[in-house]
Protein backbone atom coordinates (compact mmCIF):
# COMPACT_ATOMS: atom_id res chain seq x y z
CA MET A 1 -16.89 210.60 -43.20
CA LYS A 2 -17.44 207.94 -40.54
CA GLU A 3 -20.49 205.77 -41.02
CA THR A 4 -21.88 203.33 -38.53
CA ILE A 5 -24.51 200.62 -38.44
CA THR A 6 -26.37 199.30 -35.41
CA ILE A 7 -26.79 195.52 -35.20
CA ASN A 8 -28.52 193.96 -32.19
CA GLY A 9 -28.17 197.25 -30.32
CA LYS A 10 -24.40 197.49 -30.87
CA GLU A 11 -22.85 200.15 -33.08
CA TYR A 12 -20.21 199.14 -35.64
CA ARG A 13 -18.22 201.36 -37.95
CA VAL A 14 -18.49 200.63 -41.68
CA ALA A 15 -15.43 201.49 -43.78
CA VAL A 16 -15.40 201.02 -47.53
CA ASN A 17 -11.74 201.43 -48.40
CA TRP A 18 -9.05 199.57 -50.28
CA ASN A 19 -8.35 197.26 -47.33
CA ALA A 20 -11.99 196.13 -47.25
CA ILE A 21 -12.12 195.73 -51.04
CA ARG A 22 -8.85 193.77 -51.05
CA ASP A 23 -10.14 191.50 -48.28
CA TYR A 24 -13.35 190.89 -50.27
CA CYS A 25 -11.37 190.12 -53.43
CA GLN A 26 -9.14 187.65 -51.58
CA ARG A 27 -12.17 185.85 -50.11
CA LYS A 28 -13.92 185.67 -53.50
CA GLY A 29 -10.82 184.72 -55.50
CA ILE A 30 -10.73 187.95 -57.52
CA LYS A 31 -7.15 188.51 -58.61
CA ASP A 32 -7.46 190.76 -61.64
CA LEU A 33 -8.52 194.41 -61.78
CA THR A 34 -10.55 193.64 -64.91
CA GLN A 35 -12.98 191.91 -62.52
CA ILE A 36 -13.35 195.01 -60.30
CA ASP A 37 -16.94 195.47 -61.48
CA SER A 38 -17.86 192.40 -59.43
CA VAL A 39 -16.73 194.32 -56.34
CA LEU A 40 -18.95 197.30 -57.08
CA SER A 41 -22.00 195.21 -57.96
CA PHE A 42 -22.07 191.97 -56.04
CA ASN A 43 -24.68 189.22 -55.74
CA ILE A 44 -26.66 188.17 -52.66
CA ASP A 45 -23.89 185.87 -51.42
CA GLY A 46 -21.30 188.58 -51.93
CA MET A 47 -23.28 191.15 -49.97
CA LEU A 48 -22.70 189.42 -46.64
CA THR A 49 -19.02 188.95 -47.44
CA MET A 50 -18.66 192.64 -48.31
CA ALA A 51 -20.55 193.66 -45.16
CA HIS A 52 -18.20 191.57 -43.05
CA CYS A 53 -15.12 193.00 -44.78
CA CYS A 54 -16.29 196.60 -44.39
CA ILE A 55 -17.40 196.23 -40.78
CA LYS A 56 -14.17 194.39 -39.91
CA GLU A 57 -12.16 197.24 -41.46
CA GLY A 58 -14.27 199.90 -39.76
CA GLU A 59 -13.76 198.28 -36.40
CA ARG A 60 -10.01 198.03 -37.07
CA LEU A 61 -9.91 201.76 -37.77
CA GLU A 62 -11.64 202.34 -34.42
CA GLY A 63 -8.99 200.27 -32.64
CA ARG A 64 -11.35 197.34 -32.08
CA GLN A 65 -11.40 193.82 -33.46
CA LEU A 66 -14.55 192.35 -34.98
CA GLU A 67 -15.05 189.08 -33.12
CA GLU A 68 -17.99 187.79 -35.19
CA THR A 69 -17.36 185.52 -38.15
CA GLU A 70 -19.08 186.19 -41.46
CA GLU A 71 -21.66 183.55 -40.61
CA ASP A 72 -22.22 185.03 -37.12
CA LEU A 73 -22.74 188.45 -38.66
CA GLY A 74 -25.25 187.04 -41.14
CA ALA A 75 -27.20 185.47 -38.29
CA MET A 76 -27.27 188.80 -36.45
CA MET A 77 -28.29 190.98 -39.39
CA ALA A 78 -31.96 191.26 -40.26
CA PRO A 79 -32.94 192.46 -43.74
CA MET A 80 -33.26 196.03 -42.39
CA GLU A 81 -29.65 196.05 -41.15
CA MET A 82 -28.44 194.65 -44.46
CA THR A 83 -30.36 197.40 -46.25
CA GLU A 84 -28.67 199.99 -44.04
CA PHE A 85 -25.29 198.45 -44.83
CA ALA A 86 -26.07 198.56 -48.56
CA LYS A 87 -26.95 202.26 -48.34
CA SER A 88 -23.73 202.98 -46.46
CA TYR A 89 -21.72 200.97 -48.98
CA VAL A 90 -23.22 202.83 -51.94
CA ARG A 91 -22.58 206.22 -50.31
CA GLN A 92 -18.96 205.38 -49.62
CA ALA A 93 -18.15 203.43 -52.78
CA THR A 94 -19.73 205.71 -55.36
CA THR A 95 -19.27 209.24 -54.05
CA GLY A 96 -17.56 211.31 -56.69
CA ILE A 97 -17.55 208.64 -59.39
CA ALA A 98 -18.79 210.05 -62.67
CA VAL A 99 -21.38 207.90 -64.38
CA GLU A 100 -20.83 207.37 -68.09
CA SER A 101 -24.09 207.70 -69.97
CA THR A 102 -24.81 205.08 -72.61
CA ALA A 103 -27.81 206.96 -73.95
CA LYS A 104 -27.32 209.00 -77.10
CA LYS A 105 -27.94 212.70 -76.74
CA LYS A 106 -30.77 214.19 -78.79
CA ARG A 107 -29.83 216.97 -81.15
């Protein structure tokens, strides 16, 4: 499913796929799959990096090149746009993943 985000009146595709995740890992120095949890739950600094990676990949899939740097994108995105990105990321990154319950079942 294609997802888009509008930033400053311009529509960008958001793609959460292995290319975007790999790009994020390379930028953050993550080299081991045991650290993959830091890709699924990132901090404030990591959110902008992930947004840039996913928008860059989405634009590539559309046959376009994202011209904005990560810093340019951060300057363009208001909190509302970042919230929309986060929602899109969660939808794409977690769809179909079973959640393991840590709570004990009552008998």
